PDB file of N, CA and C in Angstrom:
ATOM      1  N   MET A   1       5.934   9.747 -13.533  1.00  0.00           N
ATOM      2  CA  MET A   1       4.657  10.051 -14.142  1.00  0.00           C
ATOM      3  C   MET A   1       3.511   9.693 -13.201  1.00  0.00           C
ATOM      4  N   LEU A   2       2.500  10.495 -13.243  1.00  0.00           N
ATOM      5  CA  LEU A   2       1.307  10.206 -12.444  1.00  0.00           C
ATOM      6  C   LEU A   2       0.331   9.390 -13.267  1.00  0.00           C
ATOM      7  N   LEU A   3      -0.269   8.447 -12.649  1.00  0.00           N
ATOM      8  CA  LEU A   3      -1.336   7.694 -13.295  1.00  0.00           C
ATOM      9  C   LEU A   3      -2.658   8.359 -12.995  1.00  0.00           C
ATOM     10  N   GLU A   4      -3.687   7.994 -13.708  1.00  0.00           N
ATOM     11  CA  GLU A   4      -5.002   8.591 -13.519  1.00  0.00           C
ATOM     12  C   GLU A   4      -5.462   8.510 -12.074  1.00  0.00           C
ATOM     13  N   ASN A   5      -5.187   7.398 -11.401  1.00  0.00           N
ATOM     14  CA  ASN A   5      -5.627   7.222 -10.018  1.00  0.00           C
ATOM     15  C   ASN A   5      -4.968   8.187  -9.056  1.00  0.00           C
ATOM     16  N   ASP A   6      -3.819   8.746  -9.430  1.00  0.00           N
ATOM     17  CA  ASP A   6      -3.083   9.647  -8.554  1.00  0.00           C
ATOM     18  C   ASP A   6      -3.585  11.079  -8.622  1.00  0.00           C
ATOM     19  N   LEU A   7      -4.444  11.391  -9.564  1.00  0.00           N
ATOM     20  CA  LEU A   7      -4.912  12.758  -9.750  1.00  0.00           C
ATOM     21  C   LEU A   7      -6.124  13.046  -8.889  1.00  0.00           C
ATOM     22  N   THR A   8      -6.295  14.297  -8.575  1.00  0.00           N
ATOM     23  CA  THR A   8      -7.514  14.698  -7.890  1.00  0.00           C
ATOM     24  C   THR A   8      -8.643  14.661  -8.895  1.00  0.00           C
ATOM     25  N   VAL A   9      -9.860  14.776  -8.422  1.00  0.00           N
ATOM     26  CA  VAL A   9     -11.030  14.668  -9.280  1.00  0.00           C
ATOM     27  C   VAL A   9     -11.054  15.802 -10.298  1.00  0.00           C
ATOM     28  N   LEU A  10     -11.242  15.435 -11.553  1.00  0.00           N
ATOM     29  CA  LEU A  10     -11.368  16.436 -12.608  1.00  0.00           C
ATOM     30  C   LEU A  10     -12.849  16.729 -12.819  1.00  0.00           C
ATOM     31  N   HIS A  11     -13.194  17.978 -12.918  1.00  0.00           N
ATOM     32  CA  HIS A  11     -14.568  18.372 -13.132  1.00  0.00           C
ATOM     33  C   HIS A  11     -14.779  18.729 -14.589  1.00  0.00           C
ATOM     34  N   ASP A  12     -15.792  18.119 -15.216  1.00  0.00           N
ATOM     35  CA  ASP A  12     -16.073  18.308 -16.624  1.00  0.00           C
ATOM     36  C   ASP A  12     -14.801  18.125 -17.430  1.00  0.00           C
ATOM     37  N   ASP A  13     -14.581  18.950 -18.453  1.00  0.00           N
ATOM     38  CA  ASP A  13     -13.343  18.867 -19.211  1.00  0.00           C
ATOM     39  C   ASP A  13     -12.310  19.760 -18.544  1.00  0.00           C
ATOM     40  N   ALA A  14     -11.101  19.276 -18.438  1.00  0.00           N
ATOM     41  CA  ALA A  14     -10.018  20.044 -17.824  1.00  0.00           C
ATOM     42  C   ALA A  14      -8.854  20.102 -18.797  1.00  0.00           C
ATOM     43  N   THR A  15      -7.953  21.013 -18.558  1.00  0.00           N
ATOM     44  CA  THR A  15      -6.768  21.126 -19.390  1.00  0.00           C
ATOM     45  C   THR A  15      -5.555  20.780 -18.551  1.00  0.00           C
ATOM     46  N   VAL A  16      -4.754  19.842 -19.031  1.00  0.00           N
ATOM     47  CA  VAL A  16      -3.523  19.452 -18.378  1.00  0.00           C
ATOM     48  C   VAL A  16      -2.420  19.608 -19.406  1.00  0.00           C
ATOM     49  N   ASP A  17      -1.493  20.535 -19.159  1.00  0.00           N
ATOM     50  CA  ASP A  17      -0.408  20.823 -20.091  1.00  0.00           C
ATOM     51  C   ASP A  17      -0.931  21.036 -21.507  1.00  0.00           C
ATOM     52  N   GLU A  18      -1.931  21.869 -21.643  1.00  0.00           N
ATOM     53  CA  GLU A  18      -2.542  22.270 -22.909  1.00  0.00           C
ATOM     54  C   GLU A  18      -3.249  21.124 -23.635  1.00  0.00           C
ATOM     55  N   THR A  19      -3.502  20.016 -22.962  1.00  0.00           N
ATOM     56  CA  THR A  19      -4.220  18.902 -23.556  1.00  0.00           C
ATOM     57  C   THR A  19      -5.580  18.820 -22.881  1.00  0.00           C
ATOM     58  N   VAL A  20      -6.643  18.800 -23.669  1.00  0.00           N
ATOM     59  CA  VAL A  20      -7.970  18.691 -23.082  1.00  0.00           C
ATOM     60  C   VAL A  20      -8.156  17.263 -22.589  1.00  0.00           C
ATOM     61  N   VAL A  21      -8.564  17.142 -21.339  1.00  0.00           N
ATOM     62  CA  VAL A  21      -8.740  15.839 -20.712  1.00  0.00           C
ATOM     63  C   VAL A  21     -10.207  15.686 -20.365  1.00  0.00           C
ATOM     64  N   GLU A  22     -10.818  14.624 -20.855  1.00  0.00           N
ATOM     65  CA  GLU A  22     -12.210  14.357 -20.528  1.00  0.00           C
ATOM     66  C   GLU A  22     -12.301  13.830 -19.107  1.00  0.00           C
ATOM     67  N   THR A  23     -13.442  14.022 -18.479  1.00  0.00           N
ATOM     68  CA  THR A  23     -13.651  13.551 -17.117  1.00  0.00           C
ATOM     69  C   THR A  23     -13.367  12.054 -17.034  1.00  0.00           C
ATOM     70  N   GLY A  24     -12.531  11.681 -16.039  1.00  0.00           N
ATOM     71  CA  GLY A  24     -12.248  10.269 -15.818  1.00  0.00           C
ATOM     72  C   GLY A  24     -11.295   9.653 -16.822  1.00  0.00           C
ATOM     73  N   PHE A  25     -10.677  10.441 -17.674  1.00  0.00           N
ATOM     74  CA  PHE A  25      -9.777   9.882 -18.675  1.00  0.00           C
ATOM     75  C   PHE A  25      -8.500  10.694 -18.743  1.00  0.00           C
ATOM     76  N   ILE A  26      -7.385  10.036 -18.624  1.00  0.00           N
ATOM     77  CA  ILE A  26      -6.078  10.641 -18.848  1.00  0.00           C
ATOM     78  C   ILE A  26      -5.429   9.804 -19.941  1.00  0.00           C
ATOM     79  N   ALA A  27      -4.884  10.456 -20.911  1.00  0.00           N
ATOM     80  CA  ALA A  27      -4.361   9.781 -22.087  1.00  0.00           C
ATOM     81  C   ALA A  27      -3.211   8.827 -21.789  1.00  0.00           C
ATOM     82  N   ASP A  28      -2.978   8.289 -20.749  1.00  0.00           N
ATOM     83  CA  ASP A  28      -1.943   7.393 -20.251  1.00  0.00           C
ATOM     84  C   ASP A  28      -1.275   8.023 -19.038  1.00  0.00           C
ATOM     85  N   TYR A  29      -0.624   9.140 -19.220  1.00  0.00           N
ATOM     86  CA  TYR A  29       0.120   9.778 -18.140  1.00  0.00           C
ATOM     87  C   TYR A  29       0.003  11.290 -18.227  1.00  0.00           C
ATOM     88  N   VAL A  30       0.205  11.935 -17.098  1.00  0.00           N
ATOM     89  CA  VAL A  30       0.289  13.387 -17.045  1.00  0.00           C
ATOM     90  C   VAL A  30       1.727  13.700 -16.642  1.00  0.00           C
ATOM     91  N   PRO A  31       2.457  14.444 -17.464  1.00  0.00           N
ATOM     92  CA  PRO A  31       3.848  14.713 -17.119  1.00  0.00           C
ATOM     93  C   PRO A  31       3.977  15.560 -15.853  1.00  0.00           C
ATOM     94  N   LEU A  32       5.004  15.292 -15.071  1.00  0.00           N
ATOM     95  CA  LEU A  32       5.274  16.055 -13.857  1.00  0.00           C
ATOM     96  C   LEU A  32       6.160  17.248 -14.201  1.00  0.00           C
ATOM     97  N   ASP A  33       5.956  18.359 -13.507  1.00  0.00           N
ATOM     98  CA  ASP A  33       6.837  19.497 -13.744  1.00  0.00           C
ATOM     99  C   ASP A  33       8.163  19.267 -13.031  1.00  0.00           C
ATOM    100  N   ASN A  34       9.171  20.067 -13.370  1.00  0.00           N
ATOM    101  CA  ASN A  34      10.522  19.888 -12.860  1.00  0.00           C
ATOM    102  C   ASN A  34      10.580  20.004 -11.334  1.00  0.00           C
ATOM    103  N   SER A  35       9.827  20.928 -10.752  1.00  0.00           N
ATOM    104  CA  SER A  35       9.841  21.097  -9.292  1.00  0.00           C
ATOM    105  C   SER A  35       9.341  19.845  -8.586  1.00  0.00           C
ATOM    106  N   THR A  36       8.312  19.245  -9.122  1.00  0.00           N
ATOM    107  CA  THR A  36       7.769  18.022  -8.528  1.00  0.00           C
ATOM    108  C   THR A  36       8.785  16.894  -8.594  1.00  0.00           C
ATOM    109  N   VAL A  37       9.450  16.764  -9.726  1.00  0.00           N
ATOM    110  CA  VAL A  37      10.474  15.725  -9.890  1.00  0.00           C
ATOM    111  C   VAL A  37      11.599  15.948  -8.886  1.00  0.00           C
ATOM    112  N   LEU A  38      12.018  17.203  -8.713  1.00  0.00           N
ATOM    113  CA  LEU A  38      13.080  17.505  -7.757  1.00  0.00           C
ATOM    114  C   LEU A  38      12.648  17.216  -6.326  1.00  0.00           C
ATOM    115  N   MET A  39      11.401  17.550  -5.975  1.00  0.00           N
ATOM    116  CA  MET A  39      10.920  17.265  -4.624  1.00  0.00           C
ATOM    117  C   MET A  39      10.883  15.763  -4.367  1.00  0.00           C
ATOM    118  N   LEU A  40      10.471  14.994  -5.354  1.00  0.00           N
ATOM    119  CA  LEU A  40      10.484  13.539  -5.203  1.00  0.00           C
ATOM    120  C   LEU A  40      11.916  13.032  -5.058  1.00  0.00           C
ATOM    121  N   GLY A  41      12.848  13.639  -5.780  1.00  0.00           N
ATOM    122  CA  GLY A  41      14.258  13.283  -5.660  1.00  0.00           C
ATOM    123  C   GLY A  41      14.801  13.575  -4.275  1.00  0.00           C
ATOM    124  N   ILE A  42      14.387  14.707  -3.698  1.00  0.00           N
ATOM    125  CA  ILE A  42      14.803  15.057  -2.333  1.00  0.00           C
ATOM    126  C   ILE A  42      14.289  14.019  -1.347  1.00  0.00           C
ATOM    127  N   LEU A  43      13.012  13.668  -1.476  1.00  0.00           N
ATOM    128  CA  LEU A  43      12.443  12.658  -0.575  1.00  0.00           C
ATOM    129  C   LEU A  43      13.168  11.323  -0.717  1.00  0.00           C
ATOM    130  N   GLU A  44      13.469  10.943  -1.937  1.00  0.00           N
ATOM    131  CA  GLU A  44      14.165   9.683  -2.177  1.00  0.00           C
ATOM    132  C   GLU A  44      15.573   9.717  -1.568  1.00  0.00           C
ATOM    133  N   LEU A  45      16.282  10.833  -1.750  1.00  0.00           N
ATOM    134  CA  LEU A  45      17.619  10.966  -1.197  1.00  0.00           C
ATOM    135  C   LEU A  45      17.590  10.907   0.325  1.00  0.00           C
ATOM    136  N   LEU A  46      16.674  11.643   0.945  1.00  0.00           N
ATOM    137  CA  LEU A  46      16.564  11.629   2.401  1.00  0.00           C
ATOM    138  C   LEU A  46      16.196  10.236   2.913  1.00  0.00           C
ATOM    139  N   HIS A  47      15.339   9.534   2.185  1.00  0.00           N
ATOM    140  CA  HIS A  47      14.961   8.172   2.570  1.00  0.00           C
ATOM    141  C   HIS A  47      16.185   7.246   2.510  1.00  0.00           C
ATOM    142  N   ALA A  48      16.961   7.345   1.434  1.00  0.00           N
ATOM    143  CA  ALA A  48      18.145   6.495   1.289  1.00  0.00           C
ATOM    144  C   ALA A  48      19.151   6.772   2.406  1.00  0.00           C
ATOM    145  N   GLU A  49      19.331   8.032   2.737  1.00  0.00           N
ATOM    146  CA  GLU A  49      20.251   8.383   3.826  1.00  0.00           C
ATOM    147  C   GLU A  49      19.728   7.864   5.160  1.00  0.00           C
ATOM    148  N   HIS A  50      18.429   7.959   5.360  1.00  0.00           N
ATOM    149  CA  HIS A  50      17.818   7.451   6.597  1.00  0.00           C
ATOM    150  C   HIS A  50      18.031   5.940   6.717  1.00  0.00           C
ATOM    151  N   GLU A  51      17.896   5.237   5.604  1.00  0.00           N
ATOM    152  CA  GLU A  51      18.111   3.791   5.595  1.00  0.00           C
ATOM    153  C   GLU A  51      19.563   3.437   5.931  1.00  0.00           C
ATOM    154  N   GLN A  52      20.487   4.349   5.624  1.00  0.00           N
ATOM    155  CA  GLN A  52      21.904   4.138   5.921  1.00  0.00           C
ATOM    156  C   GLN A  52      22.274   4.590   7.333  1.00  0.00           C
ATOM    157  N   GLY A  53      21.268   5.025   8.112  1.00  0.00           N
ATOM    158  CA  GLY A  53      21.508   5.415   9.487  1.00  0.00           C
ATOM    159  C   GLY A  53      21.774   6.888   9.699  1.00  0.00           C
ATOM    160  N   ARG A  54      21.664   7.684   8.637  1.00  0.00           N
ATOM    161  CA  ARG A  54      21.866   9.122   8.764  1.00  0.00           C
ATOM    162  C   ARG A  54      20.513   9.807   8.707  1.00  0.00           C
ATOM    163  N   SER A  55      20.049  10.284   9.852  1.00  0.00           N
ATOM    164  CA  SER A  55      18.713  10.879   9.902  1.00  0.00           C
ATOM    165  C   SER A  55      18.670  12.281   9.323  1.00  0.00           C
ATOM    166  N   CYS A  56      19.795  13.004   9.352  1.00  0.00           N
ATOM    167  CA  CYS A  56      19.840  14.370   8.828  1.00  0.00           C
ATOM    168  C   CYS A  56      20.886  14.476   7.720  1.00  0.00           C
ATOM    169  N   VAL A  57      20.593  15.284   6.726  1.00  0.00           N
ATOM    170  CA  VAL A  57      21.512  15.515   5.613  1.00  0.00           C
ATOM    171  C   VAL A  57      21.629  17.017   5.427  1.00  0.00           C
ATOM    172  N   SER A  58      22.846  17.507   5.279  1.00  0.00           N
ATOM    173  CA  SER A  58      23.028  18.943   5.098  1.00  0.00           C
ATOM    174  C   SER A  58      22.486  19.364   3.727  1.00  0.00           C
ATOM    175  N   LEU A  59      21.999  20.599   3.674  1.00  0.00           N
ATOM    176  CA  LEU A  59      21.461  21.112   2.419  1.00  0.00           C
ATOM    177  C   LEU A  59      22.552  21.201   1.359  1.00  0.00           C
ATOM    178  N   ALA A  60      23.781  21.492   1.771  1.00  0.00           N
ATOM    179  CA  ALA A  60      24.885  21.549   0.806  1.00  0.00           C
ATOM    180  C   ALA A  60      25.101  20.194   0.129  1.00  0.00           C
ATOM    181  N   VAL A  61      25.001  19.116   0.903  1.00  0.00           N
ATOM    182  CA  VAL A  61      25.161  17.764   0.346  1.00  0.00           C
ATOM    183  C   VAL A  61      24.023  17.457  -0.632  1.00  0.00           C
ATOM    184  N   ILE A  62      22.810  17.834  -0.263  1.00  0.00           N
ATOM    185  CA  ILE A  62      21.658  17.598  -1.150  1.00  0.00           C
ATOM    186  C   ILE A  62      21.851  18.346  -2.462  1.00  0.00           C
ATOM    187  N   CYS A  63      22.280  19.603  -2.391  1.00  0.00           N
ATOM    188  CA  CYS A  63      22.530  20.387  -3.609  1.00  0.00           C
ATOM    189  C   CYS A  63      23.540  19.693  -4.509  1.00  0.00           C
ATOM    190  N   LYS A  64      24.622  19.241  -3.915  1.00  0.00           N
ATOM    191  CA  LYS A  64      25.681  18.600  -4.687  1.00  0.00           C
ATOM    192  C   LYS A  64      25.195  17.309  -5.337  1.00  0.00           C
ATOM    193  N   ARG A  65      24.489  16.489  -4.582  1.00  0.00           N
ATOM    194  CA  ARG A  65      24.029  15.196  -5.120  1.00  0.00           C
ATOM    195  C   ARG A  65      22.970  15.343  -6.203  1.00  0.00           C
ATOM    196  N   LEU A  66      22.095  16.360  -6.044  1.00  0.00           N
ATOM    197  CA  LEU A  66      21.032  16.551  -7.035  1.00  0.00           C
ATOM    198  C   LEU A  66      21.433  17.517  -8.149  1.00  0.00           C
ATOM    199  N   GLY A  67      22.562  18.189  -7.967  1.00  0.00           N
ATOM    200  CA  GLY A  67      23.041  19.118  -8.999  1.00  0.00           C
ATOM    201  C   GLY A  67      22.171  20.355  -9.144  1.00  0.00           C
ATOM    202  N   ILE A  68      21.687  20.878  -8.010  1.00  0.00           N
ATOM    203  CA  ILE A  68      20.839  22.071  -8.058  1.00  0.00           C
ATOM    204  C   ILE A  68      21.446  23.173  -7.205  1.00  0.00           C
ATOM    205  N   ARG A  69      21.022  24.405  -7.460  1.00  0.00           N
ATOM    206  CA  ARG A  69      21.494  25.551  -6.694  1.00  0.00           C
ATOM    207  C   ARG A  69      20.816  25.579  -5.329  1.00  0.00           C
ATOM    208  N   MET A  70      21.495  26.206  -4.371  1.00  0.00           N
ATOM    209  CA  MET A  70      20.969  26.312  -3.009  1.00  0.00           C
ATOM    210  C   MET A  70      19.648  27.069  -2.986  1.00  0.00           C
ATOM    211  N   SER A  71      19.522  28.125  -3.777  1.00  0.00           N
ATOM    212  CA  SER A  71      18.271  28.894  -3.788  1.00  0.00           C
ATOM    213  C   SER A  71      17.102  28.031  -4.257  1.00  0.00           C
ATOM    214  N   THR A  72      17.354  27.175  -5.232  1.00  0.00           N
ATOM    215  CA  THR A  72      16.316  26.255  -5.709  1.00  0.00           C
ATOM    216  C   THR A  72      15.957  25.258  -4.619  1.00  0.00           C
ATOM    217  N   LEU A  73      16.973  24.709  -3.966  1.00  0.00           N
ATOM    218  CA  LEU A  73      16.727  23.741  -2.904  1.00  0.00           C
ATOM    219  C   LEU A  73      15.946  24.370  -1.753  1.00  0.00           C
ATOM    220  N   GLN A  74      16.282  25.580  -1.382  1.00  0.00           N
ATOM    221  CA  GLN A  74      15.577  26.236  -0.277  1.00  0.00           C
ATOM    222  C   GLN A  74      14.105  26.449  -0.619  1.00  0.00           C
ATOM    223  N   ARG A  75      13.813  26.807  -1.863  1.00  0.00           N
ATOM    224  CA  ARG A  75      12.414  26.969  -2.294  1.00  0.00           C
ATOM    225  C   ARG A  75      11.674  25.639  -2.207  1.00  0.00           C
ATOM    226  N   LEU A  76      12.307  24.578  -2.668  1.00  0.00           N
ATOM    227  CA  LEU A  76      11.681  23.254  -2.626  1.00  0.00           C
ATOM    228  C   LEU A  76      11.518  22.759  -1.189  1.00  0.00           C
ATOM    229  N   MET A  77      12.513  23.025  -0.352  1.00  0.00           N
ATOM    230  CA  MET A  77      12.433  22.616   1.050  1.00  0.00           C
ATOM    231  C   MET A  77      11.309  23.357   1.776  1.00  0.00           C
ATOM    232  N   THR A  78      11.094  24.614   1.415  1.00  0.00           N
ATOM    233  CA  THR A  78       9.979  25.354   2.003  1.00  0.00           C
ATOM    234  C   THR A  78       8.664  24.666   1.671  1.00  0.00           C
ATOM    235  N   ALA A  79       8.495  24.266   0.420  1.00  0.00           N
ATOM    236  CA  ALA A  79       7.265  23.574   0.008  1.00  0.00           C
ATOM    237  C   ALA A  79       7.121  22.238   0.735  1.00  0.00           C
ATOM    238  N   LEU A  80       8.206  21.481   0.845  1.00  0.00           N
ATOM    239  CA  LEU A  80       8.142  20.186   1.525  1.00  0.00           C
ATOM    240  C   LEU A  80       7.884  20.340   3.022  1.00  0.00           C
ATOM    241  N   SER A  81       8.469  21.360   3.626  1.00  0.00           N
ATOM    242  CA  SER A  81       8.243  21.551   5.062  1.00  0.00           C
ATOM    243  C   SER A  81       6.841  22.072   5.343  1.00  0.00           C
ATOM    244  N   GLU A  82       6.268  22.859   4.431  1.00  0.00           N
ATOM    245  CA  GLU A  82       4.887  23.313   4.594  1.00  0.00           C
ATOM    246  C   GLU A  82       3.920  22.142   4.541  1.00  0.00           C
ATOM    247  N   GLN A  83       4.290  21.098   3.831  1.00  0.00           N
ATOM    248  CA  GLN A  83       3.462  19.894   3.746  1.00  0.00           C
ATOM    249  C   GLN A  83       3.806  18.891   4.847  1.00  0.00           C
ATOM    250  N   ALA A  84       4.694  19.286   5.759  1.00  0.00           N
ATOM    251  CA  ALA A  84       5.123  18.457   6.899  1.00  0.00           C
ATOM    252  C   ALA A  84       5.768  17.145   6.446  1.00  0.00           C
ATOM    253  N   LEU A  85       6.503  17.191   5.327  1.00  0.00           N
ATOM    254  CA  LEU A  85       7.214  16.007   4.853  1.00  0.00           C
ATOM    255  C   LEU A  85       8.685  16.040   5.239  1.00  0.00           C
ATOM    256  N   VAL A  86       9.214  17.253   5.423  1.00  0.00           N
ATOM    257  CA  VAL A  86      10.624  17.444   5.749  1.00  0.00           C
ATOM    258  C   VAL A  86      10.718  18.454   6.881  1.00  0.00           C
ATOM    259  N   GLU A  87      11.674  18.230   7.760  1.00  0.00           N
ATOM    260  CA  GLU A  87      11.925  19.165   8.853  1.00  0.00           C
ATOM    261  C   GLU A  87      13.324  19.745   8.679  1.00  0.00           C
ATOM    262  N   LEU A  88      13.426  21.072   8.719  1.00  0.00           N
ATOM    263  CA  LEU A  88      14.709  21.753   8.598  1.00  0.00           C
ATOM    264  C   LEU A  88      15.180  22.199   9.974  1.00  0.00           C
ATOM    265  N   SER A  89      16.485  22.096  10.197  1.00  0.00           N
ATOM    266  CA  SER A  89      17.056  22.553  11.467  1.00  0.00           C
ATOM    267  C   SER A  89      18.508  22.939  11.234  1.00  0.00           C
ATOM    268  N   THR A  90      19.142  23.426  12.289  1.00  0.00           N
ATOM    269  CA  THR A  90      20.549  23.806  12.230  1.00  0.00           C
ATOM    270  C   THR A  90      21.331  22.898  13.158  1.00  0.00           C
ATOM    271  N   GLN A  91      22.408  22.325  12.622  1.00  0.00           N
ATOM    272  CA  GLN A  91      23.316  21.504  13.422  1.00  0.00           C
ATOM    273  C   GLN A  91      24.733  21.965  13.140  1.00  0.00           C
ATOM    274  N   LYS A  92      25.434  22.380  14.176  1.00  0.00           N
ATOM    275  CA  LYS A  92      26.820  22.837  14.029  1.00  0.00           C
ATOM    276  C   LYS A  92      26.933  23.908  12.942  1.00  0.00           C
ATOM    277  N   GLU A  93      26.021  24.859  12.981  1.00  0.00           N
ATOM    278  CA  GLU A  93      25.979  25.995  12.057  1.00  0.00           C
ATOM    279  C   GLU A  93      25.735  25.595  10.603  1.00  0.00           C
ATOM    280  N   ARG A  94      25.154  24.414  10.376  1.00  0.00           N
ATOM    281  CA  ARG A  94      24.787  23.970   9.034  1.00  0.00           C
ATOM    282  C   ARG A  94      23.295  23.727   8.987  1.00  0.00           C
ATOM    283  N   LEU A  95      22.683  24.063   7.865  1.00  0.00           N
ATOM    284  CA  LEU A  95      21.281  23.724   7.665  1.00  0.00           C
ATOM    285  C   LEU A  95      21.205  22.260   7.268  1.00  0.00           C
ATOM    286  N   VAL A  96      20.323  21.528   7.958  1.00  0.00           N
ATOM    287  CA  VAL A  96      20.146  20.108   7.656  1.00  0.00           C
ATOM    288  C   VAL A  96      18.657  19.814   7.482  1.00  0.00           C
ATOM    289  N   ALA A  97      18.387  18.743   6.778  1.00  0.00           N
ATOM    290  CA  ALA A  97      17.009  18.316   6.541  1.00  0.00           C
ATOM    291  C   ALA A  97      16.851  16.871   6.992  1.00  0.00           C
ATOM    292  N   ALA A  98      15.657  16.562   7.470  1.00  0.00           N
ATOM    293  CA  ALA A  98      15.318  15.201   7.875  1.00  0.00           C
ATOM    294  C   ALA A  98      13.868  14.945   7.498  1.00  0.00           C
ATOM    295  N   LEU A  99      13.575  13.689   7.185  1.00  0.00           N
ATOM    296  CA  LEU A  99      12.195  13.311   6.893  1.00  0.00           C
ATOM    297  C   LEU A  99      11.383  13.316   8.178  1.00  0.00           C
ATOM    298  N   THR A 100      10.148  13.796   8.086  1.00  0.00           N
ATOM    299  CA  THR A 100       9.209  13.649   9.192  1.00  0.00           C
ATOM    300  C   THR A 100       8.591  12.254   9.074  1.00  0.00           C
ATOM    301  N   GLN A 101       7.739  11.888  10.014  1.00  0.00           N
ATOM    302  CA  GLN A 101       7.047  10.603   9.929  1.00  0.00           C
ATOM    303  C   GLN A 101       6.210  10.536   8.650  1.00  0.00           C
ATOM    304  N   SER A 102       5.519  11.617   8.333  1.00  0.00           N
ATOM    305  CA  SER A 102       4.715  11.658   7.101  1.00  0.00           C
ATOM    306  C   SER A 102       5.606  11.549   5.873  1.00  0.00           C
ATOM    307  N   GLY A 103       6.746  12.219   5.910  1.00  0.00           N
ATOM    308  CA  GLY A 103       7.689  12.152   4.794  1.00  0.00           C
ATOM    309  C   GLY A 103       8.224  10.756   4.594  1.00  0.00           C
ATOM    310  N   GLU A 104       8.482  10.070   5.695  1.00  0.00           N
ATOM    311  CA  GLU A 104       8.952   8.692   5.622  1.00  0.00           C
ATOM    312  C   GLU A 104       7.880   7.790   5.002  1.00  0.00           C
ATOM    313  N   GLU A 105       6.629   7.989   5.382  1.00  0.00           N
ATOM    314  CA  GLU A 105       5.537   7.197   4.815  1.00  0.00           C
ATOM    315  C   GLU A 105       5.402   7.444   3.314  1.00  0.00           C
ATOM    316  N   VAL A 106       5.509   8.697   2.905  1.00  0.00           N
ATOM    317  CA  VAL A 106       5.414   9.035   1.476  1.00  0.00           C
ATOM    318  C   VAL A 106       6.593   8.419   0.725  1.00  0.00           C
ATOM    319  N   SER A 107       7.791   8.539   1.269  1.00  0.00           N
ATOM    320  CA  SER A 107       8.959   7.987   0.574  1.00  0.00           C
ATOM    321  C   SER A 107       8.900   6.472   0.495  1.00  0.00           C
ATOM    322  N   LEU A 108       8.368   5.823   1.510  1.00  0.00           N
ATOM    323  CA  LEU A 108       8.181   4.372   1.446  1.00  0.00           C
ATOM    324  C   LEU A 108       7.166   4.000   0.379  1.00  0.00           C
ATOM    325  N   ALA A 109       6.105   4.779   0.276  1.00  0.00           N
ATOM    326  CA  ALA A 109       5.090   4.524  -0.754  1.00  0.00           C
ATOM    327  C   ALA A 109       5.684   4.705  -2.138  1.00  0.00           C
ATOM    328  N   LEU A 110       6.565   5.671  -2.302  1.00  0.00           N
ATOM    329  CA  LEU A 110       7.210   5.892  -3.604  1.00  0.00           C
ATOM    330  C   LEU A 110       8.123   4.738  -3.958  1.00  0.00           C
ATOM    331  N   GLN A 111       8.721   4.107  -2.972  1.00  0.00           N
ATOM    332  CA  GLN A 111       9.623   2.972  -3.234  1.00  0.00           C
ATOM    333  C   GLN A 111       8.876   1.760  -3.759  1.00  0.00           C
ATOM    334  N   THR A 112       7.605   1.638  -3.398  1.00  0.00           N
ATOM    335  CA  THR A 112       6.840   0.465  -3.816  1.00  0.00           C
ATOM    336  C   THR A 112       6.184   0.628  -5.168  1.00  0.00           C
ATOM    337  N   THR A 113       6.170   1.868  -5.706  1.00  0.00           N
ATOM    338  CA  THR A 113       5.528   2.072  -7.015  1.00  0.00           C
ATOM    339  C   THR A 113       6.498   2.015  -8.145  1.00  0.00           C
TER     340      THR A 113
END
């Protein structure tokens, strides 16, 4: 869940998931959509693997561990790589993912919250 401090500035009254939100006030939390939760899960998984000494993880392994389809993972990886949080490459004819420096910083920040 995101806290009020994690949100960008709301102008006047805004609508978040069909709930009217007054400026500077969030009713406790704003629910995250499924894609966001999955992207955070990917970052967490890559961080855990990095901590174990494995800098790259195959996309097939990520799919299996998170229980998602490859097409879903590829869409999420595109979003993460566009934000320079994850780097995709090919190793031994397999697609693999690794955290970038920015991705590592974000995943470390997530571990402390």
